[in-house]
N, C-alpha and C. Protein backbone atom coordinates (compact mmCIF):
# COMPACT_ATOMS: atom_id res chain seq x y z
N MET A 1 -39.31 32.72 -33.16
CA MET A 1 -40.00 32.16 -32.70
C MET A 1 -38.92 31.27 -31.57
N MET A 2 -39.11 31.61 -30.21
CA MET A 2 -38.25 31.09 -29.22
C MET A 2 -38.90 29.90 -28.83
N PHE A 3 -37.91 28.78 -28.46
CA PHE A 3 -38.21 27.37 -28.22
C PHE A 3 -37.73 27.47 -26.78
N THR A 4 -38.65 26.51 -25.73
CA THR A 4 -38.28 26.80 -24.34
C THR A 4 -37.52 25.15 -24.12
N HIS A 5 -37.53 24.47 -25.18
CA HIS A 5 -36.79 22.93 -25.41
C HIS A 5 -36.06 22.78 -26.15
N SER A 6 -34.81 22.19 -25.49
CA SER A 6 -33.41 22.04 -26.23
C SER A 6 -33.87 21.25 -27.47
N PRO A 7 -32.77 21.26 -28.54
CA PRO A 7 -33.22 21.02 -29.90
C PRO A 7 -33.33 19.14 -29.78
N SER A 8 -32.47 18.66 -29.05
CA SER A 8 -32.68 16.94 -28.90
C SER A 8 -33.89 16.60 -28.36
N GLU A 9 -34.50 17.57 -27.51
CA GLU A 9 -35.97 17.26 -26.82
C GLU A 9 -37.01 17.50 -27.92
N ARG A 10 -37.12 18.35 -28.87
CA ARG A 10 -37.55 18.58 -29.72
C ARG A 10 -37.58 17.53 -31.00
N ARG A 11 -36.43 17.07 -31.33
CA ARG A 11 -36.20 16.14 -32.26
C ARG A 11 -37.05 14.70 -31.72
N THR A 12 -36.54 14.53 -30.63
CA THR A 12 -37.02 13.05 -30.46
C THR A 12 -38.57 13.06 -29.57
N GLY A 13 -38.96 14.09 -29.19
CA GLY A 13 -40.47 14.23 -28.57
C GLY A 13 -40.25 14.18 -27.17
N SER A 14 -39.34 13.92 -26.64
CA SER A 14 -39.31 13.51 -25.22
C SER A 14 -39.07 14.94 -24.14
N TYR A 15 -40.30 15.21 -24.25
CA TYR A 15 -40.10 16.61 -23.13
C TYR A 15 -40.55 16.06 -21.73
N PRO A 16 -39.71 17.19 -20.76
CA PRO A 16 -39.96 16.66 -19.49
C PRO A 16 -41.63 16.70 -19.02
N LYS A 17 -42.05 15.46 -18.47
CA LYS A 17 -43.43 15.35 -17.77
C LYS A 17 -43.72 16.40 -16.59
N LYS A 18 -44.90 17.04 -16.96
CA LYS A 18 -45.36 17.54 -15.77
C LYS A 18 -46.44 16.94 -14.58
N SER A 19 -46.09 17.03 -13.33
CA SER A 19 -47.11 16.45 -12.52
C SER A 19 -48.49 16.84 -12.87
N ARG A 20 -49.27 15.78 -12.70
CA ARG A 20 -50.71 15.75 -12.99
C ARG A 20 -51.64 15.31 -12.06
N GLY A 21 -50.93 15.13 -10.82
CA GLY A 21 -51.74 14.38 -9.53
C GLY A 21 -51.95 15.79 -8.72
N PHE A 22 -52.54 15.22 -7.50
CA PHE A 22 -52.95 16.30 -6.61
C PHE A 22 -51.83 15.88 -5.46
N THR A 23 -51.21 16.87 -4.72
CA THR A 23 -50.36 16.74 -3.64
C THR A 23 -51.14 16.16 -2.35
N ILE A 24 -50.47 15.67 -1.64
CA ILE A 24 -50.65 15.07 -0.36
C ILE A 24 -51.88 16.10 0.59
N VAL A 25 -51.19 17.15 0.78
CA VAL A 25 -51.79 18.19 1.40
C VAL A 25 -53.04 18.59 1.14
N GLU A 26 -53.34 18.73 -0.61
CA GLU A 26 -54.63 18.86 -1.05
C GLU A 26 -55.47 17.74 -0.90
N LEU A 27 -55.13 16.69 -1.13
CA LEU A 27 -55.99 15.52 -0.56
C LEU A 27 -56.41 15.55 0.76
N LEU A 28 -55.45 15.77 1.79
CA LEU A 28 -55.73 16.29 3.31
C LEU A 28 -56.54 17.08 3.59
N ILE A 29 -56.29 18.26 2.94
CA ILE A 29 -57.68 19.22 2.73
C ILE A 29 -58.85 19.04 2.46
N VAL A 30 -59.15 18.43 1.15
CA VAL A 30 -60.00 17.55 0.65
C VAL A 30 -61.06 16.49 2.09
N ILE A 31 -60.30 15.87 2.54
CA ILE A 31 -60.78 14.72 3.42
C ILE A 31 -61.04 15.48 4.58
N VAL A 32 -60.43 16.23 4.99
CA VAL A 32 -60.90 17.30 6.39
C VAL A 32 -62.29 18.03 6.22
N VAL A 33 -62.32 18.52 4.74
CA VAL A 33 -63.63 19.40 4.49
C VAL A 33 -64.68 18.15 4.62
N ILE A 34 -64.52 17.08 4.00
CA ILE A 34 -65.43 16.31 3.95
C ILE A 34 -65.85 15.95 5.13
N GLY A 35 -65.23 15.43 6.05
CA GLY A 35 -65.30 15.12 7.79
C GLY A 35 -66.43 16.10 8.02
N ILE A 36 -65.78 17.55 8.33
CA ILE A 36 -66.43 18.49 8.70
C ILE A 36 -68.04 18.59 8.38
N LEU A 37 -67.99 18.41 7.04
CA LEU A 37 -69.68 18.44 6.42
C LEU A 37 -70.30 17.13 7.12
N ALA A 38 -69.65 15.95 7.13
CA ALA A 38 -70.39 14.85 7.33
C ALA A 38 -70.91 15.02 8.99
N ALA A 39 -69.82 15.53 9.58
CA ALA A 39 -70.26 15.89 11.16
C ALA A 39 -71.18 16.70 10.98
N ILE A 40 -71.33 17.97 10.33
CA ILE A 40 -72.48 18.84 10.51
C ILE A 40 -73.57 18.25 10.23
N THR A 41 -73.79 17.34 9.32
CA THR A 41 -74.88 16.58 8.44
C THR A 41 -75.35 15.62 9.74
N ILE A 42 -74.54 14.82 10.37
CA ILE A 42 -75.15 13.80 11.11
C ILE A 42 -75.65 14.64 12.51
N VAL A 43 -75.25 15.37 12.82
CA VAL A 43 -75.83 16.52 13.90
C VAL A 43 -77.19 16.83 13.60
N SER A 44 -77.09 17.44 12.36
CA SER A 44 -78.33 18.20 11.84
C SER A 44 -79.18 16.81 11.90
N PHE A 45 -79.11 15.82 11.21
CA PHE A 45 -80.18 14.54 11.30
C PHE A 45 -80.56 13.81 12.39
N ASN A 46 -79.68 14.07 13.50
CA ASN A 46 -80.25 13.71 14.95
C ASN A 46 -81.14 14.57 15.36
N GLY A 47 -80.83 15.79 15.35
CA GLY A 47 -81.94 16.58 15.91
C GLY A 47 -83.09 16.55 15.28
N VAL A 48 -83.18 16.34 13.77
CA VAL A 48 -84.71 16.16 13.02
C VAL A 48 -85.18 15.06 13.50
N GLN A 49 -84.43 13.70 13.88
CA GLN A 49 -84.73 12.47 14.02
C GLN A 49 -85.70 12.53 15.38
N ARG A 50 -84.80 13.40 16.11
CA ARG A 50 -85.50 13.70 17.60
C ARG A 50 -86.88 14.32 17.91
N LYS A 51 -86.89 15.32 16.90
CA LYS A 51 -87.99 16.29 16.89
C LYS A 51 -88.95 15.46 16.03
N ALA A 52 -88.77 14.53 15.05
CA ALA A 52 -90.18 13.65 14.57
C ALA A 52 -90.46 12.65 16.02
N ILE A 53 -89.57 12.18 16.44
CA ILE A 53 -90.00 10.96 17.58
C ILE A 53 -90.98 11.69 18.25
N GLU A 54 -90.25 13.07 18.98
CA GLU A 54 -91.13 14.02 19.89
C GLU A 54 -92.35 14.04 19.19
N ALA A 55 -92.66 14.65 18.16
CA ALA A 55 -94.04 14.80 17.51
C ALA A 55 -95.06 13.94 17.29
N ASN A 56 -94.13 12.52 17.20
CA ASN A 56 -95.01 11.27 17.10
C ASN A 56 -95.70 10.82 18.45
N VAL A 57 -94.76 11.24 19.57
CA VAL A 57 -95.37 10.68 20.90
C VAL A 57 -96.38 11.57 21.09
N LYS A 58 -96.18 12.80 21.06
CA LYS A 58 -97.38 13.83 21.48
C LYS A 58 -98.64 13.41 20.53
N SER A 59 -98.56 12.89 19.47
CA SER A 59 -99.55 12.83 18.33
C SER A 59 -100.23 11.39 18.90
N ASP A 60 -99.37 10.44 19.36
CA ASP A 60 -100.09 9.15 20.06
C ASP A 60 -100.77 9.50 21.29
N LEU A 61 -100.21 10.50 22.14
CA LEU A 61 -101.02 10.60 23.37
C LEU A 61 -102.14 11.42 23.16
N ALA A 62 -102.38 12.48 22.13
CA ALA A 62 -103.32 13.00 22.02
C ALA A 62 -104.58 12.22 21.18
N ASN A 63 -104.21 11.24 20.20
CA ASN A 63 -105.36 10.49 19.90
C ASN A 63 -105.70 9.37 20.76
N ALA A 64 -105.04 9.09 21.78
CA ALA A 64 -105.13 8.13 23.11
C ALA A 64 -106.28 8.97 23.56
N GLY A 65 -105.74 10.14 24.08
CA GLY A 65 -106.80 11.24 24.88
C GLY A 65 -108.02 11.18 24.14
N LYS A 66 -108.34 11.47 23.08
CA LYS A 66 -109.38 11.04 22.12
C LYS A 66 -110.27 10.15 22.25
N LYS A 67 -109.76 9.08 22.36
CA LYS A 67 -110.12 7.66 22.15
C LYS A 67 -110.60 7.53 23.60
N ILE A 68 -110.02 8.11 24.92
CA ILE A 68 -110.74 8.01 26.24
C ILE A 68 -111.73 8.60 26.14
N GLU A 69 -111.60 10.02 26.02
CA GLU A 69 -112.84 10.75 25.86
C GLU A 69 -113.88 10.41 25.31
N LEU A 70 -114.01 9.77 23.98
CA LEU A 70 -114.84 9.07 23.50
C LEU A 70 -115.79 7.52 24.13
N LEU A 71 -114.78 6.98 24.90
CA LEU A 71 -115.19 6.10 25.51
C LEU A 71 -115.99 6.56 26.78
N LYS A 72 -115.42 7.54 27.33
CA LYS A 72 -116.32 8.06 28.55
C LYS A 72 -117.71 8.82 27.99
N VAL A 73 -117.80 9.10 26.81
CA VAL A 73 -118.94 9.70 26.48
C VAL A 73 -120.08 8.24 26.45
N THR A 74 -119.43 7.22 25.61
CA THR A 74 -120.16 5.92 25.44
C THR A 74 -120.65 5.14 26.78
N LEU A 75 -119.43 5.16 28.08
CA LEU A 75 -119.55 4.43 29.00
C LEU A 75 -120.24 5.25 30.24
N GLY A 76 -120.24 6.81 30.02
CA GLY A 76 -120.24 7.30 31.28
C GLY A 76 -119.14 7.63 32.27
N THR A 77 -117.95 6.81 32.18
CA THR A 77 -116.92 7.07 33.18
C THR A 77 -115.75 6.60 31.96
N TYR A 78 -114.46 7.14 33.07
CA TYR A 78 -113.08 7.24 32.36
C TYR A 78 -113.11 5.29 32.21
N PRO A 79 -112.36 4.72 31.44
CA PRO A 79 -111.98 3.39 31.75
C PRO A 79 -111.23 3.06 33.17
N ALA A 80 -111.46 1.70 33.22
CA ALA A 80 -110.50 1.29 34.55
C ALA A 80 -109.17 1.00 34.28
N GLN A 81 -108.38 0.91 35.38
CA GLN A 81 -106.93 0.82 34.67
C GLN A 81 -106.73 -0.78 35.16
N THR A 82 -107.70 -1.04 33.97
CA THR A 82 -107.18 -2.81 33.78
C THR A 82 -106.99 -3.03 32.26
N ASP A 83 -106.36 -3.83 31.63
CA ASP A 83 -106.07 -4.18 30.38
C ASP A 83 -107.54 -4.23 29.80
N ALA A 84 -108.78 -4.90 30.22
CA ALA A 84 -109.90 -5.20 29.56
C ALA A 84 -110.41 -3.37 29.51
N GLY A 85 -110.42 -3.04 30.61
CA GLY A 85 -110.87 -1.31 30.82
C GLY A 85 -110.23 -0.38 29.38
N LEU A 86 -109.02 -0.64 29.49
CA LEU A 86 -108.37 0.19 28.48
C LEU A 86 -108.41 -0.33 27.02
N GLU A 87 -108.45 -1.65 26.65
CA GLU A 87 -108.41 -2.35 25.50
C GLU A 87 -109.92 -1.35 24.72
N ALA A 88 -110.93 -1.45 25.58
CA ALA A 88 -112.17 -0.82 24.82
C ALA A 88 -112.13 0.71 24.33
N ALA A 89 -111.16 1.13 24.61
CA ALA A 89 -110.51 2.50 24.08
C ALA A 89 -110.05 2.43 22.72
N ASP A 90 -109.63 1.09 22.37
CA ASP A 90 -108.81 1.01 21.11
C ASP A 90 -107.86 1.87 20.73
N ILE A 91 -106.86 2.17 21.92
CA ILE A 91 -105.76 3.05 21.81
C ILE A 91 -104.62 2.41 20.66
N GLN A 92 -104.15 2.77 20.05
CA GLN A 92 -103.04 2.79 19.02
C GLN A 92 -101.97 3.42 19.22
N LEU A 93 -100.83 2.83 20.09
CA LEU A 93 -99.59 3.58 19.75
C LEU A 93 -98.60 3.16 18.81
N SER A 94 -97.77 4.02 18.51
CA SER A 94 -96.97 3.84 17.23
C SER A 94 -95.56 3.09 17.76
N ALA A 95 -95.19 2.03 16.98
CA ALA A 95 -93.93 1.06 17.50
C ALA A 95 -92.78 2.04 17.38
N ASN A 96 -91.62 1.60 18.24
CA ASN A 96 -90.31 2.11 18.03
C ASN A 96 -90.16 3.68 18.32
N LEU A 97 -91.39 4.09 19.23
CA LEU A 97 -91.20 5.54 19.82
C LEU A 97 -90.64 5.61 21.06
N TYR A 98 -90.99 4.64 21.93
CA TYR A 98 -90.87 4.71 23.34
C TYR A 98 -89.82 3.95 23.80
N ASP A 99 -89.23 4.59 25.11
CA ASP A 99 -88.05 3.99 25.69
C ASP A 99 -88.82 2.54 26.46
N THR A 100 -88.00 1.27 25.86
CA THR A 100 -88.37 0.22 26.25
C THR A 100 -87.38 -0.39 27.21
N SER A 101 -86.89 0.45 27.83
CA SER A 101 -85.62 0.09 28.98
C SER A 101 -86.36 0.07 30.25
N ALA A 102 -87.63 0.15 30.17
CA ALA A 102 -88.30 0.11 31.92
C ALA A 102 -89.75 0.82 31.32
N ASN A 103 -90.35 1.27 32.42
CA ASN A 103 -91.81 1.48 32.19
C ASN A 103 -92.24 2.86 31.45
N ASN A 104 -92.83 2.74 30.52
CA ASN A 104 -92.47 3.70 29.59
C ASN A 104 -93.77 4.65 29.28
N VAL A 105 -95.12 3.90 29.30
CA VAL A 105 -96.48 4.41 29.31
C VAL A 105 -97.01 4.08 30.51
N LEU A 106 -97.97 5.27 30.83
CA LEU A 106 -98.80 5.10 32.09
C LEU A 106 -100.06 5.52 31.89
N TYR A 107 -101.20 5.06 32.16
CA TYR A 107 -102.32 5.44 32.20
C TYR A 107 -102.85 5.62 33.72
N CYS A 108 -103.32 6.81 34.14
CA CYS A 108 -103.79 7.22 35.37
C CYS A 108 -105.30 7.29 35.44
N GLY A 109 -106.00 6.77 36.05
CA GLY A 109 -107.41 7.07 36.09
C GLY A 109 -108.18 5.79 36.54
N SER A 110 -109.34 5.81 36.68
CA SER A 110 -110.39 4.73 37.11
C SER A 110 -111.90 5.20 36.56
N THR A 111 -112.65 4.24 36.99
CA THR A 111 -114.06 4.43 36.73
C THR A 111 -114.70 5.42 37.79
N SER A 112 -113.93 5.56 38.90
CA SER A 112 -114.39 6.48 40.12
C SER A 112 -113.66 7.70 39.65
N SER A 113 -112.89 8.11 39.01
CA SER A 113 -111.84 9.05 39.01
C SER A 113 -112.66 10.14 37.98
N ALA A 114 -112.63 11.48 38.47
CA ALA A 114 -113.40 12.29 37.56
C ALA A 114 -112.24 12.99 36.31
N ALA A 115 -111.09 12.40 36.38
CA ALA A 115 -110.16 12.84 35.31
C ALA A 115 -109.56 11.45 35.04
N TYR A 116 -108.43 11.98 33.79
CA TYR A 116 -107.52 10.74 33.84
C TYR A 116 -106.26 11.36 33.04
N ALA A 117 -105.20 10.79 33.05
CA ALA A 117 -104.10 11.23 32.29
C ALA A 117 -103.01 10.12 31.88
N ILE A 118 -102.44 10.36 30.72
CA ILE A 118 -101.29 9.70 29.94
C ILE A 118 -100.29 10.12 30.16
N VAL A 119 -99.14 9.44 30.48
CA VAL A 119 -97.62 9.85 30.50
C VAL A 119 -96.97 8.65 29.66
N ALA A 120 -96.18 9.54 29.07
CA ALA A 120 -95.20 8.52 28.23
C ALA A 120 -93.62 8.89 28.09
N ARG A 121 -92.92 8.02 28.17
CA ARG A 121 -91.46 8.45 27.84
C ARG A 121 -90.92 7.97 26.86
N SER A 122 -90.40 9.05 25.85
CA SER A 122 -90.06 8.44 24.34
C SER A 122 -88.68 8.22 24.62
N LYS A 123 -88.32 7.49 23.32
CA LYS A 123 -86.86 6.86 23.06
C LYS A 123 -85.93 8.14 23.39
N SER A 124 -85.70 9.25 23.19
CA SER A 124 -85.11 9.88 23.76
C SER A 124 -84.95 10.50 24.81
N GLY A 125 -86.21 10.04 25.69
CA GLY A 125 -85.78 10.06 27.34
C GLY A 125 -86.94 11.59 27.83
N THR A 126 -87.50 11.89 26.70
CA THR A 126 -88.17 13.21 27.33
C THR A 126 -89.71 12.44 27.85
N THR A 127 -90.12 12.98 28.81
CA THR A 127 -91.43 12.45 29.29
C THR A 127 -92.90 13.48 29.10
N TYR A 128 -93.76 12.94 28.63
CA TYR A 128 -94.76 14.06 28.39
C TYR A 128 -95.96 13.53 28.93
N ALA A 129 -96.93 14.39 29.50
CA ALA A 129 -98.32 14.10 29.84
C ALA A 129 -99.21 14.68 29.25
N PHE A 130 -100.45 13.87 29.26
CA PHE A 130 -101.74 14.93 28.48
C PHE A 130 -102.83 14.07 29.46
N GLY A 131 -104.02 14.98 29.64
CA GLY A 131 -105.13 14.23 30.23
C GLY A 131 -106.22 15.21 30.27
N SER A 132 -107.13 14.58 31.12
CA SER A 132 -108.80 15.84 30.98
C SER A 132 -108.33 16.71 31.66
N ASN A 133 -107.61 17.15 32.47
CA ASN A 133 -107.30 18.24 33.25
C ASN A 133 -105.83 18.86 33.08
N ARG A 134 -105.21 18.52 32.26
CA ARG A 134 -103.94 18.67 31.98
C ARG A 134 -103.73 19.14 30.43
N VAL A 135 -103.19 20.41 29.96
CA VAL A 135 -102.76 20.48 28.43
C VAL A 135 -101.46 19.82 28.58
N PHE A 136 -101.18 19.42 27.39
CA PHE A 136 -100.10 18.78 27.00
C PHE A 136 -98.90 19.15 27.18
N SER A 137 -97.78 18.68 27.94
CA SER A 137 -96.57 19.11 27.84
C SER A 137 -95.69 18.25 28.68
N GLU A 138 -94.59 18.65 28.66
CA GLU A 138 -93.47 17.49 29.31
C GLU A 138 -93.90 17.61 30.49
N TYR A 139 -93.27 16.26 31.27
CA TYR A 139 -93.48 16.12 32.50
C TYR A 139 -92.35 15.85 33.24
N THR A 140 -92.40 16.46 34.56
CA THR A 140 -90.91 16.32 35.12
C THR A 140 -90.76 15.86 36.53
N ASP A 141 -92.47 16.25 37.08
CA ASP A 141 -92.48 15.99 38.52
C ASP A 141 -92.15 14.86 39.42
N TYR A 142 -92.53 13.58 38.69
CA TYR A 142 -92.23 12.39 39.30
C TYR A 142 -91.65 11.37 37.92
N THR A 143 -91.00 10.38 38.28
CA THR A 143 -90.69 9.48 37.20
C THR A 143 -91.53 8.69 37.00
N LEU A 144 -92.01 8.05 36.13
CA LEU A 144 -92.76 6.83 35.37
C LEU A 144 -92.60 5.29 36.47
N GLU A 145 -91.46 5.23 37.02
CA GLU A 145 -91.36 4.14 37.91
C GLU A 145 -92.32 4.62 39.33
N ASN A 146 -92.46 5.68 39.80
CA ASN A 146 -93.28 6.12 40.93
C ASN A 146 -94.69 6.52 40.35
N TYR A 147 -95.33 5.14 39.96
CA TYR A 147 -96.50 5.82 39.20
C TYR A 147 -97.70 6.22 40.14
N SER A 148 -97.61 5.91 41.58
CA SER A 148 -98.83 6.35 42.57
C SER A 148 -98.45 7.60 42.58
N GLN A 149 -97.31 8.20 42.87
CA GLN A 149 -96.98 9.65 43.00
C GLN A 149 -97.36 10.35 41.93
N ALA A 150 -96.99 9.90 40.48
CA ALA A 150 -97.28 10.81 39.34
C ALA A 150 -98.66 10.73 39.15
N CYS A 151 -99.21 9.91 39.53
CA CYS A 151 -100.75 9.62 39.27
C CYS A 151 -101.44 10.43 40.17
N SER A 152 -101.22 10.69 41.51
CA SER A 152 -101.84 11.19 42.49
C SER A 152 -101.53 12.69 42.15
N ASN A 153 -100.13 13.13 41.76
CA ASN A 153 -99.97 14.18 41.17
C ASN A 153 -100.52 15.03 40.05
N LEU A 154 -100.99 13.92 39.24
CA LEU A 154 -101.57 14.60 37.62
C LEU A 154 -103.22 14.19 38.11
N ILE A 155 -103.83 13.49 38.56
CA ILE A 155 -105.29 13.51 38.77
C ILE A 155 -105.95 13.48 39.94
N GLY A 156 -105.12 13.29 41.33
CA GLY A 156 -105.60 13.13 42.47
C GLY A 156 -105.77 11.68 43.07
N THR A 157 -105.67 10.52 42.14
CA THR A 157 -105.43 9.29 42.71
C THR A 157 -104.21 8.63 42.10
N GLY A 158 -103.78 7.74 43.35
CA GLY A 158 -102.70 6.67 42.60
C GLY A 158 -103.11 5.27 41.67
N ALA A 159 -104.36 5.27 41.16
CA ALA A 159 -104.86 4.63 40.35
C ALA A 159 -103.96 4.74 38.74
N ALA A 160 -103.52 3.43 38.59
CA ALA A 160 -102.63 3.22 37.39
C ALA A 160 -102.52 2.19 36.67
N ARG A 161 -102.39 1.91 35.36
CA ARG A 161 -101.93 0.88 34.58
C ARG A 161 -100.50 1.03 33.75
N TYR A 162 -99.47 0.47 33.90
CA TYR A 162 -98.73 0.63 32.83
C TYR A 162 -98.77 0.05 31.36
N GLY A 163 -98.08 0.78 30.34
CA GLY A 163 -98.48 0.34 28.86
C GLY A 163 -97.24 -0.82 28.67
N TYR A 164 -96.14 -0.45 29.11
CA TYR A 164 -95.04 -1.67 29.06
C TYR A 164 -94.45 -1.36 30.46
N SER A 165 -93.87 -2.85 30.85
CA SER A 165 -92.85 -3.16 31.75
C SER A 165 -91.82 -3.98 31.33
N THR A 166 -92.02 -5.35 31.07
CA THR A 166 -90.96 -5.99 30.41
C THR A 166 -91.73 -6.60 28.97
N VAL A 167 -92.82 -6.21 28.64
CA VAL A 167 -93.45 -6.61 27.13
C VAL A 167 -94.68 -5.52 27.30
N TRP A 168 -94.95 -5.46 25.87
CA TRP A 168 -96.03 -4.46 25.58
C TRP A 168 -97.47 -4.67 25.97
N ARG A 169 -98.42 -4.43 26.64
CA ARG A 169 -99.80 -4.94 27.36
C ARG A 169 -100.44 -4.41 26.00
N GLU A 170 -101.62 -4.96 25.68
CA GLU A 170 -102.79 -5.47 25.20
C GLU A 170 -103.34 -3.97 25.13
N TRP A 171 -103.51 -3.43 25.71
CA TRP A 171 -104.17 -1.71 25.60
C TRP A 171 -103.46 -0.70 24.57
N THR A 172 -102.06 -1.03 24.43
CA THR A 172 -101.61 -0.43 23.77
C THR A 172 -101.71 -0.41 22.26
N GLY A 173 -102.03 -1.46 21.75
CA GLY A 173 -102.10 -2.15 20.63
C GLY A 173 -100.76 -2.61 19.89
N LEU A 174 -99.90 -2.68 20.87
CA LEU A 174 -98.42 -3.27 20.46
C LEU A 174 -97.96 -4.62 20.84
N ALA A 175 -98.78 -5.26 21.81
CA ALA A 175 -98.97 -6.34 22.40
C ALA A 175 -98.28 -7.12 21.20
N PRO A 176 -97.16 -8.45 21.58
CA PRO A 176 -96.93 -9.27 20.72
C PRO A 176 -98.01 -10.12 19.96
């Protein structure tokens, strides 16, 4: 039998110790791989989160449209562009979905108009419109700040009511 250690090492049991740790290069490679995976996960999560917000805004607008149509059946006209007129529709928007840096939800319509539209800007900045003569879609024709042109473009009249300017209005269901 052939020994690889010297007789003195065998007698005393003091063999040279082998390194059992990771090298700095191996540790750096692991850190880089973890960083890449984290970046991919964050980007993917942000995309999923944005899609969820957009889907909820669309759902809010569709539900608001149904309530406005239901109110028209009851009253015979679309609600007036007043807080009281719109409160009768019992619209309930979801919190934390909308951009609150500026006007973000707009109702276009009046008791004398034959149509209505609701326009909303989500937290991600996308603006959507839905109404009696408009299928649900992204809206890019006018900004919400220019409400008279937006409403004229959507339903032919400039009659409008914001859901938020500096605070939420009662008709949105989000007023403090």
